Amino acid sequence: MARLVLAVVEEADVNGREIVGTGVAMLGLEGDDVICGRCGREMMSQMPIRTMPSGLLYRCEVCGALNEVPPEEQP
């Protein structure tokens, strides 16, 4: 398990990609702790985000930022 800081995506760069709201927090069974690239909040705990479909955007419920897995961390 590692801490993975997501990359912020500007609204103008969404280009029709699906946006997932993480709610207060998402909890998985094993994986990474996922951090918002803007405010530093832990958005997901123990989530296998590196194996989830690429291209998804994750909205931070605290600051509203759209985040994505950085390209260098994608499978």
PDB file of N, CA and C in Angstrom:
ATOM      1  N   MET A   1       0.840  -1.171   0.000  1.00  0.00           N
ATOM      2  CA  MET A   1       0.000   0.000   0.000  1.00  0.00           C
ATOM      3  C   MET A   1       0.885   1.235   0.000  1.00  0.00           C
ATOM      4  N   ALA A   2       0.531   2.194  -0.864  1.00  0.00           N
ATOM      5  CA  ALA A   2       1.296   3.430  -0.971  1.00  0.00           C
ATOM      6  C   ALA A   2       0.341   4.607  -0.971  1.00  0.00           C
ATOM      7  N   ARG A   3       0.902   5.779  -0.749  1.00  0.00           N
ATOM      8  CA  ARG A   3       0.134   7.014  -0.893  1.00  0.00           C
ATOM      9  C   ARG A   3       0.299   7.491  -2.327  1.00  0.00           C
ATOM     10  N   LEU A   4      -0.807   7.752  -2.993  1.00  0.00           N
ATOM     11  CA  LEU A   4      -0.784   8.201  -4.372  1.00  0.00           C
ATOM     12  C   LEU A   4      -1.478   9.559  -4.449  1.00  0.00           C
ATOM     13  N   VAL A   5      -0.704  10.592  -4.787  1.00  0.00           N
ATOM     14  CA  VAL A   5      -1.267  11.930  -4.952  1.00  0.00           C
ATOM     15  C   VAL A   5      -1.727  12.057  -6.401  1.00  0.00           C
ATOM     16  N   LEU A   6      -3.003  12.379  -6.579  1.00  0.00           N
ATOM     17  CA  LEU A   6      -3.576  12.507  -7.907  1.00  0.00           C
ATOM     18  C   LEU A   6      -3.191  13.837  -8.545  1.00  0.00           C
ATOM     19  N   ALA A   7      -3.324  13.899  -9.863  1.00  0.00           N
ATOM     20  CA  ALA A   7      -3.058  15.117 -10.621  1.00  0.00           C
ATOM     21  C   ALA A   7      -4.382  15.851 -10.832  1.00  0.00           C
ATOM     22  N   VAL A   8      -4.366  17.168 -10.635  1.00  0.00           N
ATOM     23  CA  VAL A   8      -5.568  17.982 -10.814  1.00  0.00           C
ATOM     24  C   VAL A   8      -5.812  18.208 -12.306  1.00  0.00           C
ATOM     25  N   VAL A   9      -7.076  18.127 -12.705  1.00  0.00           N
ATOM     26  CA  VAL A   9      -7.501  18.356 -14.086  1.00  0.00           C
ATOM     27  C   VAL A   9      -8.444  19.558 -14.081  1.00  0.00           C
ATOM     28  N   GLU A  10      -8.204  20.517 -14.939  1.00  0.00           N
ATOM     29  CA  GLU A  10      -9.075  21.689 -15.034  1.00  0.00           C
ATOM     30  C   GLU A  10     -10.374  21.313 -15.736  1.00  0.00           C
ATOM     31  N   GLU A  11     -11.464  21.990 -15.379  1.00  0.00           N
ATOM     32  CA  GLU A  11     -12.784  21.714 -15.964  1.00  0.00           C
ATOM     33  C   GLU A  11     -12.733  21.755 -17.490  1.00  0.00           C
ATOM     34  N   ALA A  12     -11.943  22.653 -18.054  1.00  0.00           N
ATOM     35  CA  ALA A  12     -11.846  22.795 -19.517  1.00  0.00           C
ATOM     36  C   ALA A  12     -11.228  21.564 -20.178  1.00  0.00           C
ATOM     37  N   ASP A  13     -10.542  20.720 -19.389  1.00  0.00           N
ATOM     38  CA  ASP A  13      -9.857  19.544 -19.937  1.00  0.00           C
ATOM     39  C   ASP A  13     -10.592  18.229 -19.675  1.00  0.00           C
ATOM     40  N   VAL A  14     -11.855  18.299 -19.255  1.00  0.00           N
ATOM     41  CA  VAL A  14     -12.623  17.087 -18.963  1.00  0.00           C
ATOM     42  C   VAL A  14     -12.882  16.292 -20.239  1.00  0.00           C
ATOM     43  N   ASN A  15     -13.249  16.945 -21.319  1.00  0.00           N
ATOM     44  CA  ASN A  15     -13.451  16.309 -22.628  1.00  0.00           C
ATOM     45  C   ASN A  15     -14.373  15.094 -22.580  1.00  0.00           C
ATOM     46  N   GLY A  16     -15.473  15.196 -21.851  1.00  0.00           N
ATOM     47  CA  GLY A  16     -16.461  14.130 -21.835  1.00  0.00           C
ATOM     48  C   GLY A  16     -16.128  12.926 -20.978  1.00  0.00           C
ATOM     49  N   ARG A  17     -15.025  12.965 -20.227  1.00  0.00           N
ATOM     50  CA  ARG A  17     -14.676  11.818 -19.381  1.00  0.00           C
ATOM     51  C   ARG A  17     -15.642  11.684 -18.212  1.00  0.00           C
ATOM     52  N   GLU A  18     -15.817  10.465 -17.750  1.00  0.00           N
ATOM     53  CA  GLU A  18     -16.708  10.186 -16.623  1.00  0.00           C
ATOM     54  C   GLU A  18     -16.101  10.721 -15.336  1.00  0.00           C
ATOM     55  N   ILE A  19     -16.954  11.372 -14.520  1.00  0.00           N
ATOM     56  CA  ILE A  19     -16.521  11.925 -13.232  1.00  0.00           C
ATOM     57  C   ILE A  19     -17.155  11.103 -12.116  1.00  0.00           C
ATOM     58  N   VAL A  20     -16.319  10.619 -11.208  1.00  0.00           N
ATOM     59  CA  VAL A  20     -16.766   9.815 -10.073  1.00  0.00           C
ATOM     60  C   VAL A  20     -16.676  10.675  -8.818  1.00  0.00           C
ATOM     61  N   GLY A  21     -17.791  10.804  -8.107  1.00  0.00           N
ATOM     62  CA  GLY A  21     -17.774  11.485  -6.813  1.00  0.00           C
ATOM     63  C   GLY A  21     -17.335  10.496  -5.747  1.00  0.00           C
ATOM     64  N   THR A  22     -16.364  10.883  -4.940  1.00  0.00           N
ATOM     65  CA  THR A  22     -15.854   9.953  -3.929  1.00  0.00           C
ATOM     66  C   THR A  22     -16.607  10.045  -2.614  1.00  0.00           C
ATOM     67  N   GLY A  23     -17.552  10.973  -2.497  1.00  0.00           N
ATOM     68  CA  GLY A  23     -18.294  11.123  -1.253  1.00  0.00           C
ATOM     69  C   GLY A  23     -17.354  11.531  -0.126  1.00  0.00           C
ATOM     70  N   VAL A  24     -17.748  11.230   1.082  1.00  0.00           N
ATOM     71  CA  VAL A  24     -16.910  11.555   2.236  1.00  0.00           C
ATOM     72  C   VAL A  24     -15.577  10.828   2.117  1.00  0.00           C
ATOM     73  N   ALA A  25     -15.622   9.560   1.750  1.00  0.00           N
ATOM     74  CA  ALA A  25     -14.415   8.772   1.500  1.00  0.00           C
ATOM     75  C   ALA A  25     -14.842   7.437   0.908  1.00  0.00           C
ATOM     76  N   MET A  26     -13.962   6.863   0.124  1.00  0.00           N
ATOM     77  CA  MET A  26     -14.195   5.524  -0.415  1.00  0.00           C
ATOM     78  C   MET A  26     -13.207   4.592   0.266  1.00  0.00           C
ATOM     79  N   LEU A  27     -13.671   3.414   0.631  1.00  0.00           N
ATOM     80  CA  LEU A  27     -12.833   2.438   1.318  1.00  0.00           C
ATOM     81  C   LEU A  27     -12.811   1.151   0.516  1.00  0.00           C
ATOM     82  N   GLY A  28     -11.607   0.693   0.201  1.00  0.00           N
ATOM     83  CA  GLY A  28     -11.444  -0.561  -0.520  1.00  0.00           C
ATOM     84  C   GLY A  28     -10.895  -1.632   0.398  1.00  0.00           C
ATOM     85  N   LEU A  29     -10.521  -2.754  -0.181  1.00  0.00           N
ATOM     86  CA  LEU A  29      -9.999  -3.861   0.609  1.00  0.00           C
ATOM     87  C   LEU A  29      -8.483  -3.939   0.590  1.00  0.00           C
ATOM     88  N   GLU A  30      -7.866  -3.514  -0.527  1.00  0.00           N
ATOM     89  CA  GLU A  30      -6.410  -3.426  -0.562  1.00  0.00           C
ATOM     90  C   GLU A  30      -6.011  -2.575  -1.750  1.00  0.00           C
ATOM     91  N   GLY A  31      -4.991  -1.795  -1.578  1.00  0.00           N
ATOM     92  CA  GLY A  31      -4.553  -0.894  -2.643  1.00  0.00           C
ATOM     93  C   GLY A  31      -3.873   0.316  -2.052  1.00  0.00           C
ATOM     94  N   ASP A  32      -4.067   1.454  -2.712  1.00  0.00           N
ATOM     95  CA  ASP A  32      -3.381   2.687  -2.320  1.00  0.00           C
ATOM     96  C   ASP A  32      -4.294   3.617  -1.541  1.00  0.00           C
ATOM     97  N   ASP A  33      -3.677   4.487  -0.747  1.00  0.00           N
ATOM     98  CA  ASP A  33      -4.381   5.615  -0.155  1.00  0.00           C
ATOM     99  C   ASP A  33      -4.252   6.739  -1.176  1.00  0.00           C
ATOM    100  N   VAL A  34      -5.385   7.280  -1.618  1.00  0.00           N
ATOM    101  CA  VAL A  34      -5.425   8.218  -2.736  1.00  0.00           C
ATOM    102  C   VAL A  34      -5.718   9.615  -2.209  1.00  0.00           C
ATOM    103  N   ILE A  35      -4.850  10.567  -2.596  1.00  0.00           N
ATOM    104  CA  ILE A  35      -4.872  11.921  -2.059  1.00  0.00           C
ATOM    105  C   ILE A  35      -5.247  12.929  -3.138  1.00  0.00           C
ATOM    106  N   CYS A  36      -6.097  13.911  -2.800  1.00  0.00           N
ATOM    107  CA  CYS A  36      -6.460  14.984  -3.725  1.00  0.00           C
ATOM    108  C   CYS A  36      -5.216  15.821  -4.033  1.00  0.00           C
ATOM    109  N   GLY A  37      -5.011  16.085  -5.309  1.00  0.00           N
ATOM    110  CA  GLY A  37      -3.858  16.857  -5.745  1.00  0.00           C
ATOM    111  C   GLY A  37      -3.941  18.335  -5.413  1.00  0.00           C
ATOM    112  N   ARG A  38      -5.126  18.834  -5.046  1.00  0.00           N
ATOM    113  CA  ARG A  38      -5.268  20.247  -4.719  1.00  0.00           C
ATOM    114  C   ARG A  38      -5.229  20.496  -3.219  1.00  0.00           C
ATOM    115  N   CYS A  39      -6.094  19.824  -2.455  1.00  0.00           N
ATOM    116  CA  CYS A  39      -6.196  20.156  -1.021  1.00  0.00           C
ATOM    117  C   CYS A  39      -5.494  19.160  -0.103  1.00  0.00           C
ATOM    118  N   GLY A  40      -5.076  18.008  -0.631  1.00  0.00           N
ATOM    119  CA  GLY A  40      -4.349  17.040   0.184  1.00  0.00           C
ATOM    120  C   GLY A  40      -5.224  16.106   1.003  1.00  0.00           C
ATOM    121  N   ARG A  41      -6.535  16.156   0.811  1.00  0.00           N
ATOM    122  CA  ARG A  41      -7.444  15.280   1.554  1.00  0.00           C
ATOM    123  C   ARG A  41      -7.329  13.842   1.054  1.00  0.00           C
ATOM    124  N   GLU A  42      -7.410  12.887   1.960  1.00  0.00           N
ATOM    125  CA  GLU A  42      -7.455  11.480   1.559  1.00  0.00           C
ATOM    126  C   GLU A  42      -8.852  11.192   1.030  1.00  0.00           C
ATOM    127  N   MET A  43      -8.932  10.930  -0.278  1.00  0.00           N
ATOM    128  CA  MET A  43     -10.207  10.693  -0.936  1.00  0.00           C
ATOM    129  C   MET A  43     -10.611   9.224  -0.895  1.00  0.00           C
ATOM    130  N   MET A  44      -9.626   8.341  -0.965  1.00  0.00           N
ATOM    131  CA  MET A  44      -9.880   6.900  -0.983  1.00  0.00           C
ATOM    132  C   MET A  44      -8.821   6.208  -0.132  1.00  0.00           C
ATOM    133  N   SER A  45      -9.240   5.172   0.550  1.00  0.00           N
ATOM    134  CA  SER A  45      -8.318   4.414   1.393  1.00  0.00           C
ATOM    135  C   SER A  45      -8.288   2.969   0.921  1.00  0.00           C
ATOM    136  N   GLN A  46      -7.100   2.456   0.706  1.00  0.00           N
ATOM    137  CA  GLN A  46      -6.878   1.068   0.305  1.00  0.00           C
ATOM    138  C   GLN A  46      -7.661   0.702  -0.965  1.00  0.00           C
ATOM    139  N   MET A  47      -7.619   1.602  -1.955  1.00  0.00           N
ATOM    140  CA  MET A  47      -8.323   1.367  -3.224  1.00  0.00           C
ATOM    141  C   MET A  47      -7.347   0.892  -4.292  1.00  0.00           C
ATOM    142  N   PRO A  48      -7.727  -0.092  -5.080  1.00  0.00           N
ATOM    143  CA  PRO A  48      -6.862  -0.567  -6.166  1.00  0.00           C
ATOM    144  C   PRO A  48      -6.978   0.346  -7.391  1.00  0.00           C
ATOM    145  N   ILE A  49      -6.715   1.629  -7.208  1.00  0.00           N
ATOM    146  CA  ILE A  49      -6.961   2.630  -8.246  1.00  0.00           C
ATOM    147  C   ILE A  49      -6.108   2.418  -9.495  1.00  0.00           C
ATOM    148  N   ARG A  50      -4.941   1.833  -9.343  1.00  0.00           N
ATOM    149  CA  ARG A  50      -4.074   1.627 -10.515  1.00  0.00           C
ATOM    150  C   ARG A  50      -4.644   0.571 -11.466  1.00  0.00           C
ATOM    151  N   THR A  51      -5.589  -0.232 -11.001  1.00  0.00           N
ATOM    152  CA  THR A  51      -6.197  -1.250 -11.867  1.00  0.00           C
ATOM    153  C   THR A  51      -7.607  -0.860 -12.306  1.00  0.00           C
ATOM    154  N   MET A  52      -8.080   0.290 -11.891  1.00  0.00           N
ATOM    155  CA  MET A  52      -9.405   0.760 -12.297  1.00  0.00           C
ATOM    156  C   MET A  52      -9.314   1.313 -13.716  1.00  0.00           C
ATOM    157  N   PRO A  53     -10.446   1.422 -14.416  1.00  0.00           N
ATOM    158  CA  PRO A  53     -10.408   1.915 -15.800  1.00  0.00           C
ATOM    159  C   PRO A  53      -9.704   3.270 -15.897  1.00  0.00           C
ATOM    160  N   SER A  54      -8.809   3.405 -16.879  1.00  0.00           N
ATOM    161  CA  SER A  54      -8.105   4.674 -17.041  1.00  0.00           C
ATOM    162  C   SER A  54      -9.051   5.688 -17.659  1.00  0.00           C
ATOM    163  N   GLY A  55      -8.753   6.937 -17.462  1.00  0.00           N
ATOM    164  CA  GLY A  55      -9.567   8.013 -18.012  1.00  0.00           C
ATOM    165  C   GLY A  55     -10.622   8.531 -17.053  1.00  0.00           C
ATOM    166  N   LEU A  56     -10.854   7.831 -15.941  1.00  0.00           N
ATOM    167  CA  LEU A  56     -11.823   8.314 -14.958  1.00  0.00           C
ATOM    168  C   LEU A  56     -11.286   9.541 -14.242  1.00  0.00           C
ATOM    169  N   LEU A  57     -12.205  10.445 -13.899  1.00  0.00           N
ATOM    170  CA  LEU A  57     -11.855  11.602 -13.078  1.00  0.00           C
ATOM    171  C   LEU A  57     -12.547  11.440 -11.732  1.00  0.00           C
ATOM    172  N   TYR A  58     -11.896  11.888 -10.667  1.00  0.00           N
ATOM    173  CA  TYR A  58     -12.412  11.753  -9.312  1.00  0.00           C
ATOM    174  C   TYR A  58     -12.589  13.140  -8.716  1.00  0.00           C
ATOM    175  N   ARG A  59     -13.836  13.453  -8.283  1.00  0.00           N
ATOM    176  CA  ARG A  59     -14.110  14.769  -7.707  1.00  0.00           C
ATOM    177  C   ARG A  59     -13.910  14.730  -6.194  1.00  0.00           C
ATOM    178  N   CYS A  60     -13.083  15.641  -5.700  1.00  0.00           N
ATOM    179  CA  CYS A  60     -12.884  15.781  -4.261  1.00  0.00           C
ATOM    180  C   CYS A  60     -14.107  16.483  -3.681  1.00  0.00           C
ATOM    181  N   GLU A  61     -14.717  15.895  -2.676  1.00  0.00           N
ATOM    182  CA  GLU A  61     -15.918  16.464  -2.082  1.00  0.00           C
ATOM    183  C   GLU A  61     -15.608  17.626  -1.145  1.00  0.00           C
ATOM    184  N   VAL A  62     -14.343  17.863  -0.831  1.00  0.00           N
ATOM    185  CA  VAL A  62     -13.975  18.982   0.042  1.00  0.00           C
ATOM    186  C   VAL A  62     -13.715  20.243  -0.773  1.00  0.00           C
ATOM    187  N   CYS A  63     -12.818  20.175  -1.755  1.00  0.00           N
ATOM    188  CA  CYS A  63     -12.443  21.375  -2.511  1.00  0.00           C
ATOM    189  C   CYS A  63     -13.062  21.427  -3.904  1.00  0.00           C
ATOM    190  N   GLY A  64     -13.680  20.328  -4.364  1.00  0.00           N
ATOM    191  CA  GLY A  64     -14.327  20.297  -5.664  1.00  0.00           C
ATOM    192  C   GLY A  64     -13.402  20.031  -6.837  1.00  0.00           C
ATOM    193  N   ALA A  65     -12.113  19.829  -6.574  1.00  0.00           N
ATOM    194  CA  ALA A  65     -11.152  19.608  -7.658  1.00  0.00           C
ATOM    195  C   ALA A  65     -11.418  18.283  -8.359  1.00  0.00           C
ATOM    196  N   LEU A  66     -11.174  18.276  -9.663  1.00  0.00           N
ATOM    197  CA  LEU A  66     -11.203  17.043 -10.439  1.00  0.00           C
ATOM    198  C   LEU A  66      -9.790  16.496 -10.476  1.00  0.00           C
ATOM    199  N   ASN A  67      -9.649  15.214 -10.231  1.00  0.00           N
ATOM    200  CA  ASN A  67      -8.352  14.569 -10.133  1.00  0.00           C
ATOM    201  C   ASN A  67      -8.300  13.358 -11.044  1.00  0.00           C
ATOM    202  N   GLU A  68      -7.094  13.007 -11.483  1.00  0.00           N
ATOM    203  CA  GLU A  68      -6.883  11.787 -12.249  1.00  0.00           C
ATOM    204  C   GLU A  68      -5.596  11.132 -11.785  1.00  0.00           C
ATOM    205  N   VAL A  69      -5.480   9.837 -12.072  1.00  0.00           N
ATOM    206  CA  VAL A  69      -4.232   9.133 -11.783  1.00  0.00           C
ATOM    207  C   VAL A  69      -3.167   9.725 -12.711  1.00  0.00           C
ATOM    208  N   PRO A  70      -2.036  10.165 -12.158  1.00  0.00           N
ATOM    209  CA  PRO A  70      -0.992  10.721 -13.013  1.00  0.00           C
ATOM    210  C   PRO A  70      -0.559   9.719 -14.087  1.00  0.00           C
ATOM    211  N   PRO A  71      -0.277  10.204 -15.296  1.00  0.00           N
ATOM    212  CA  PRO A  71       0.084   9.294 -16.394  1.00  0.00           C
ATOM    213  C   PRO A  71       1.199   8.309 -16.053  1.00  0.00           C
ATOM    214  N   GLU A  72       2.189   8.743 -15.285  1.00  0.00           N
ATOM    215  CA  GLU A  72       3.296   7.850 -14.948  1.00  0.00           C
ATOM    216  C   GLU A  72       2.892   6.740 -13.989  1.00  0.00           C
ATOM    217  N   GLU A  73       1.699   6.834 -13.388  1.00  0.00           N
ATOM    218  CA  GLU A  73       1.220   5.815 -12.446  1.00  0.00           C
ATOM    219  C   GLU A  73       0.178   4.897 -13.081  1.00  0.00           C
ATOM    220  N   GLN A  74      -0.239   5.173 -14.309  1.00  0.00           N
ATOM    221  CA  GLN A  74      -1.244   4.354 -14.969  1.00  0.00           C
ATOM    222  C   GLN A  74      -0.613   3.094 -15.514  1.00  0.00           C
ATOM    223  N   PRO A  75      -1.402   1.993 -15.532  1.00  0.00           N
ATOM    224  CA  PRO A  75      -0.858   0.721 -16.034  1.00  0.00           C
ATOM    225  C   PRO A  75      -0.564   0.765 -17.515  1.00  0.00           C
TER     226      PRO A  75
END
